[in-house]
Amino acid sequence: MSDARLSTDALRQSVVEQLMRLVGLPDDETAAREADETLLALDARLGEEATLPTGSIAA
């Protein structure tokens, strides 16, 4: 997944979708890895946005 092309809201939605997938596939290591990568991408994005001056955040 290339998170650079996704908006923050799209990343949030992707995290929800990945976690819902894990509920259905709890033993799937690939699904778990993909969910982890997506969650880490969202965490990094939110960290970057937190350091921007107010009004500079681009969704």
C-alpha atoms as a PDB file:
ATOM      1  CA  MET A   1       0.000   0.000   0.000  1.00  0.00           C
ATOM      2  CA  SER A   2       1.321   3.420  -0.937  1.00  0.00           C
ATOM      3  CA  ASP A   3       0.043   5.675   1.830  1.00  0.00           C
ATOM      4  CA  ALA A   4       1.582   8.802   0.233  1.00  0.00           C
ATOM      5  CA  ARG A   5      -1.311   8.914  -2.258  1.00  0.00           C
ATOM      6  CA  LEU A   6      -4.064   8.478   0.327  1.00  0.00           C
ATOM      7  CA  SER A   7      -5.620  11.305   2.290  1.00  0.00           C
ATOM      8  CA  THR A   8      -5.650  11.038   6.056  1.00  0.00           C
ATOM      9  CA  ASP A   9      -9.359  10.196   5.972  1.00  0.00           C
ATOM     10  CA  ALA A  10      -8.721   7.468   3.399  1.00  0.00           C
ATOM     11  CA  LEU A  11      -6.009   6.032   5.644  1.00  0.00           C
ATOM     12  CA  ARG A  12      -8.414   6.063   8.598  1.00  0.00           C
ATOM     13  CA  GLN A  13     -11.014   4.218   6.528  1.00  0.00           C
ATOM     14  CA  SER A  14      -8.396   1.734   5.379  1.00  0.00           C
ATOM     15  CA  VAL A  15      -7.436   1.002   8.994  1.00  0.00           C
ATOM     16  CA  VAL A  16     -11.079   0.278   9.805  1.00  0.00           C
ATOM     17  CA  GLU A  17     -11.390  -2.016   6.791  1.00  0.00           C
ATOM     18  CA  GLN A  18      -8.168  -3.861   7.644  1.00  0.00           C
ATOM     19  CA  LEU A  19      -9.250  -4.372  11.261  1.00  0.00           C
ATOM     20  CA  MET A  20     -12.650  -5.658  10.141  1.00  0.00           C
ATOM     21  CA  ARG A  21     -10.821  -8.073   7.827  1.00  0.00           C
ATOM     22  CA  LEU A  22      -8.801  -9.328  10.795  1.00  0.00           C
ATOM     23  CA  VAL A  23     -11.984 -10.061  12.717  1.00  0.00           C
ATOM     24  CA  GLY A  24     -12.971 -12.440   9.926  1.00  0.00           C
ATOM     25  CA  LEU A  25      -9.458 -13.840   9.422  1.00  0.00           C
ATOM     26  CA  PRO A  26      -7.846 -13.837  12.887  1.00  0.00           C
ATOM     27  CA  ASP A  27      -5.133 -16.360  11.962  1.00  0.00           C
ATOM     28  CA  ASP A  28      -4.153 -14.804   8.616  1.00  0.00           C
ATOM     29  CA  GLU A  29      -0.603 -13.483   9.005  1.00  0.00           C
ATOM     30  CA  THR A  30      -0.747 -11.568   5.726  1.00  0.00           C
ATOM     31  CA  ALA A  31      -3.910  -9.757   6.795  1.00  0.00           C
ATOM     32  CA  ALA A  32      -2.308  -8.962  10.157  1.00  0.00           C
ATOM     33  CA  ARG A  33       0.836  -7.617   8.486  1.00  0.00           C
ATOM     34  CA  GLU A  34      -1.175  -5.452   6.096  1.00  0.00           C
ATOM     35  CA  ALA A  35      -3.278  -4.083   8.960  1.00  0.00           C
ATOM     36  CA  ASP A  36      -0.115  -3.314  10.919  1.00  0.00           C
ATOM     37  CA  GLU A  37       1.431  -1.480   7.966  1.00  0.00           C
ATOM     38  CA  THR A  38      -1.731   0.543   7.434  1.00  0.00           C
ATOM     39  CA  LEU A  39      -1.982   1.440  11.111  1.00  0.00           C
ATOM     40  CA  LEU A  40       1.675   2.488  11.206  1.00  0.00           C
ATOM     41  CA  ALA A  41       1.156   4.638   8.098  1.00  0.00           C
ATOM     42  CA  LEU A  42      -1.813   6.368   9.723  1.00  0.00           C
ATOM     43  CA  ASP A  43       0.144   6.870  12.945  1.00  0.00           C
ATOM     44  CA  ALA A  44       3.027   8.438  11.023  1.00  0.00           C
ATOM     45  CA  ARG A  45       0.652  10.674   9.071  1.00  0.00           C
ATOM     46  CA  LEU A  46      -1.100  11.876  12.219  1.00  0.00           C
ATOM     47  CA  GLY A  47       2.297  12.543  13.805  1.00  0.00           C
ATOM     48  CA  GLU A  48       3.337  14.622  10.808  1.00  0.00           C
ATOM     49  CA  GLU A  49       0.083  16.566  10.864  1.00  0.00           C
ATOM     50  CA  ALA A  50       0.446  17.250  14.576  1.00  0.00           C
ATOM     51  CA  THR A  51       3.720  19.053  13.919  1.00  0.00           C
ATOM     52  CA  LEU A  52       2.299  21.323  11.186  1.00  0.00           C
ATOM     53  CA  PRO A  53       1.227  24.837  12.071  1.00  0.00           C
ATOM     54  CA  THR A  54      -2.543  25.238  12.554  1.00  0.00           C
ATOM     55  CA  GLY A  55      -4.312  25.704   9.256  1.00  0.00           C
ATOM     56  CA  SER A  56      -1.678  23.834   7.242  1.00  0.00           C
ATOM     57  CA  ILE A  57      -3.184  20.379   7.517  1.00  0.00           C
ATOM     58  CA  ALA A  58      -4.241  18.961   4.177  1.00  0.00           C
ATOM     59  CA  ALA A  59      -6.785  16.153   4.341  1.00  0.00           C
END
